[in-house]
């Protein structure tokens, strides 16, 4: 069964090779078509093992890569992935967060 809440890659990973952002992007790109929950679990493991601050908010990588971060925050990025729910591209950060909240119970990362 195809995932109804997933990502698809729409461009190349724009970050410098071997940086933390690039590595997180490689994980996301490799998991295109997988459930967002599974991608977040993989990013959780990555943060736990490879980032100096440990686990923060792994779901934020997806929002950042999809260009959903606020331009006023100074963290806006040209999107290179799309977050897709039920065949439609998620176009706002509030919509993405609401979808995550609604599915939070099903996320169990080890």
C-alpha atoms as a PDB file:
ATOM      1  CA  UNK A   1       0.000   0.000   0.000  1.00  0.00           C
ATOM      2  CA  UNK A   2       1.327   3.449  -0.910  1.00  0.00           C
ATOM      3  CA  UNK A   3       1.882   5.973   1.866  1.00  0.00           C
ATOM      4  CA  UNK A   4      -0.772   8.691   2.027  1.00  0.00           C
ATOM      5  CA  UNK A   5       1.523  11.112   3.922  1.00  0.00           C
ATOM      6  CA  UNK A   6       4.978  11.164   2.376  1.00  0.00           C
ATOM      7  CA  UNK A   7       7.523  13.294   0.559  1.00  0.00           C
ATOM      8  CA  UNK A   8       8.740  13.401  -2.990  1.00  0.00           C
ATOM      9  CA  UNK A   9      11.961  14.910  -4.227  1.00  0.00           C
ATOM     10  CA  UNK A  10      11.502  17.817  -6.630  1.00  0.00           C
ATOM     11  CA  UNK A  11      15.133  18.931  -6.977  1.00  0.00           C
ATOM     12  CA  UNK A  12      18.701  18.187  -5.961  1.00  0.00           C
ATOM     13  CA  UNK A  13      19.887  18.322  -2.347  1.00  0.00           C
ATOM     14  CA  UNK A  14      21.294  21.886  -2.315  1.00  0.00           C
ATOM     15  CA  UNK A  15      23.649  21.601   0.658  1.00  0.00           C
ATOM     16  CA  UNK A  16      27.416  21.178   0.678  1.00  0.00           C
ATOM     17  CA  UNK A  17      28.421  17.531   0.825  1.00  0.00           C
ATOM     18  CA  UNK A  18      29.135  16.008   4.226  1.00  0.00           C
ATOM     19  CA  UNK A  19      27.431  18.819   6.186  1.00  0.00           C
ATOM     20  CA  UNK A  20      24.699  17.957   8.683  1.00  0.00           C
ATOM     21  CA  UNK A  21      22.038  19.442   6.406  1.00  0.00           C
ATOM     22  CA  UNK A  22      23.304  17.456   3.426  1.00  0.00           C
ATOM     23  CA  UNK A  23      23.301  14.216   5.423  1.00  0.00           C
ATOM     24  CA  UNK A  24      19.771  14.820   6.689  1.00  0.00           C
ATOM     25  CA  UNK A  25      18.760  15.622   3.123  1.00  0.00           C
ATOM     26  CA  UNK A  26      20.274  12.371   1.864  1.00  0.00           C
ATOM     27  CA  UNK A  27      18.166  10.444   4.396  1.00  0.00           C
ATOM     28  CA  UNK A  28      15.024  12.290   3.327  1.00  0.00           C
ATOM     29  CA  UNK A  29      15.710  11.828  -0.390  1.00  0.00           C
ATOM     30  CA  UNK A  30      16.428   8.122   0.047  1.00  0.00           C
ATOM     31  CA  UNK A  31      13.096   7.701   1.842  1.00  0.00           C
ATOM     32  CA  UNK A  32      10.967   9.428  -0.801  1.00  0.00           C
ATOM     33  CA  UNK A  33       7.623   7.631  -0.919  1.00  0.00           C
ATOM     34  CA  UNK A  34       7.905   6.283   2.637  1.00  0.00           C
ATOM     35  CA  UNK A  35       5.548   7.385   5.408  1.00  0.00           C
ATOM     36  CA  UNK A  36       6.457  10.746   6.948  1.00  0.00           C
ATOM     37  CA  UNK A  37       6.403   9.010  10.328  1.00  0.00           C
ATOM     38  CA  UNK A  38       9.145   6.616   9.168  1.00  0.00           C
ATOM     39  CA  UNK A  39      11.207   9.488   7.767  1.00  0.00           C
ATOM     40  CA  UNK A  40      10.922  11.336  11.082  1.00  0.00           C
ATOM     41  CA  UNK A  41      12.085   8.207  12.924  1.00  0.00           C
ATOM     42  CA  UNK A  42      15.131   7.983  10.650  1.00  0.00           C
ATOM     43  CA  UNK A  43      15.889  11.662  11.243  1.00  0.00           C
ATOM     44  CA  UNK A  44      15.485  11.099  14.991  1.00  0.00           C
ATOM     45  CA  UNK A  45      18.132   8.364  14.859  1.00  0.00           C
ATOM     46  CA  UNK A  46      20.374  10.626  12.783  1.00  0.00           C
ATOM     47  CA  UNK A  47      20.059  13.494  15.267  1.00  0.00           C
ATOM     48  CA  UNK A  48      20.649  11.186  18.211  1.00  0.00           C
ATOM     49  CA  UNK A  49      23.813   9.738  16.653  1.00  0.00           C
ATOM     50  CA  UNK A  50      25.300  12.538  14.577  1.00  0.00           C
ATOM     51  CA  UNK A  51      24.357  16.017  15.774  1.00  0.00           C
ATOM     52  CA  UNK A  52      26.157  17.806  18.599  1.00  0.00           C
ATOM     53  CA  UNK A  53      22.928  18.965  20.257  1.00  0.00           C
ATOM     54  CA  UNK A  54      21.213  15.575  20.115  1.00  0.00           C
ATOM     55  CA  UNK A  55      17.557  15.149  19.198  1.00  0.00           C
ATOM     56  CA  UNK A  56      15.695  18.391  18.661  1.00  0.00           C
ATOM     57  CA  UNK A  57      12.668  18.445  16.381  1.00  0.00           C
ATOM     58  CA  UNK A  58      13.328  16.024  13.500  1.00  0.00           C
ATOM     59  CA  UNK A  59      10.064  16.879  11.722  1.00  0.00           C
ATOM     60  CA  UNK A  60      11.428  20.378  11.192  1.00  0.00           C
ATOM     61  CA  UNK A  61      13.941  19.091   8.614  1.00  0.00           C
ATOM     62  CA  UNK A  62      11.030  18.241   6.313  1.00  0.00           C
ATOM     63  CA  UNK A  63       9.386  21.649   6.755  1.00  0.00           C
ATOM     64  CA  UNK A  64      12.724  23.322   6.063  1.00  0.00           C
ATOM     65  CA  UNK A  65      13.497  21.249   2.971  1.00  0.00           C
ATOM     66  CA  UNK A  66       9.957  21.814   1.633  1.00  0.00           C
ATOM     67  CA  UNK A  67      10.339  25.583   1.971  1.00  0.00           C
ATOM     68  CA  UNK A  68       7.574  25.872   4.576  1.00  0.00           C
ATOM     69  CA  UNK A  69       9.683  27.827   7.062  1.00  0.00           C
ATOM     70  CA  UNK A  70       8.647  31.450   7.402  1.00  0.00           C
ATOM     71  CA  UNK A  71      10.581  33.901   5.259  1.00  0.00           C
ATOM     72  CA  UNK A  72      10.555  36.300   8.207  1.00  0.00           C
ATOM     73  CA  UNK A  73      12.452  33.750  10.317  1.00  0.00           C
ATOM     74  CA  UNK A  74      15.439  34.009   8.006  1.00  0.00           C
ATOM     75  CA  UNK A  75      15.335  30.235   7.542  1.00  0.00           C
ATOM     76  CA  UNK A  76      13.317  30.094   4.326  1.00  0.00           C
ATOM     77  CA  UNK A  77      14.833  27.839   1.688  1.00  0.00           C
ATOM     78  CA  UNK A  78      13.901  27.208  -1.913  1.00  0.00           C
ATOM     79  CA  UNK A  79      11.979  23.929  -1.714  1.00  0.00           C
ATOM     80  CA  UNK A  80      13.619  20.801  -3.054  1.00  0.00           C
ATOM     81  CA  UNK A  81      11.107  18.299  -1.644  1.00  0.00           C
ATOM     82  CA  UNK A  82       7.332  18.291  -1.491  1.00  0.00           C
ATOM     83  CA  UNK A  83       5.339  17.015   1.457  1.00  0.00           C
ATOM     84  CA  UNK A  84       2.357  15.148   0.073  1.00  0.00           C
ATOM     85  CA  UNK A  85      -0.856  14.151   1.852  1.00  0.00           C
ATOM     86  CA  UNK A  86      -3.581  12.185   0.058  1.00  0.00           C
ATOM     87  CA  UNK A  87      -2.051  13.111  -3.296  1.00  0.00           C
ATOM     88  CA  UNK A  88      -1.985  16.863  -2.578  1.00  0.00           C
ATOM     89  CA  UNK A  89       1.103  18.951  -1.849  1.00  0.00           C
ATOM     90  CA  UNK A  90       1.088  20.496   1.636  1.00  0.00           C
ATOM     91  CA  UNK A  91       1.711  24.216   1.113  1.00  0.00           C
ATOM     92  CA  UNK A  92       1.706  25.699   4.608  1.00  0.00           C
ATOM     93  CA  UNK A  93       3.504  25.104   7.871  1.00  0.00           C
ATOM     94  CA  UNK A  94       0.248  25.133   9.901  1.00  0.00           C
ATOM     95  CA  UNK A  95      -1.244  22.429   7.648  1.00  0.00           C
ATOM     96  CA  UNK A  96       1.895  20.293   7.982  1.00  0.00           C
ATOM     97  CA  UNK A  97       1.901  20.678  11.764  1.00  0.00           C
ATOM     98  CA  UNK A  98      -1.785  19.773  11.985  1.00  0.00           C
ATOM     99  CA  UNK A  99      -1.213  16.606   9.942  1.00  0.00           C
ATOM    100  CA  UNK A 100       1.672  15.676  12.244  1.00  0.00           C
ATOM    101  CA  UNK A 101      -0.423  16.302  15.360  1.00  0.00           C
ATOM    102  CA  UNK A 102      -3.239  14.153  14.006  1.00  0.00           C
ATOM    103  CA  UNK A 103      -0.827  11.270  13.373  1.00  0.00           C
ATOM    104  CA  UNK A 104       1.513  11.702  16.343  1.00  0.00           C
ATOM    105  CA  UNK A 105       0.160   8.635  18.141  1.00  0.00           C
ATOM    106  CA  UNK A 106       1.325   6.376  15.330  1.00  0.00           C
ATOM    107  CA  UNK A 107       4.963   7.524  15.557  1.00  0.00           C
ATOM    108  CA  UNK A 108       7.099   5.193  17.652  1.00  0.00           C
ATOM    109  CA  UNK A 109      10.788   5.655  17.068  1.00  0.00           C
ATOM    110  CA  UNK A 110      13.260   3.368  18.785  1.00  0.00           C
END
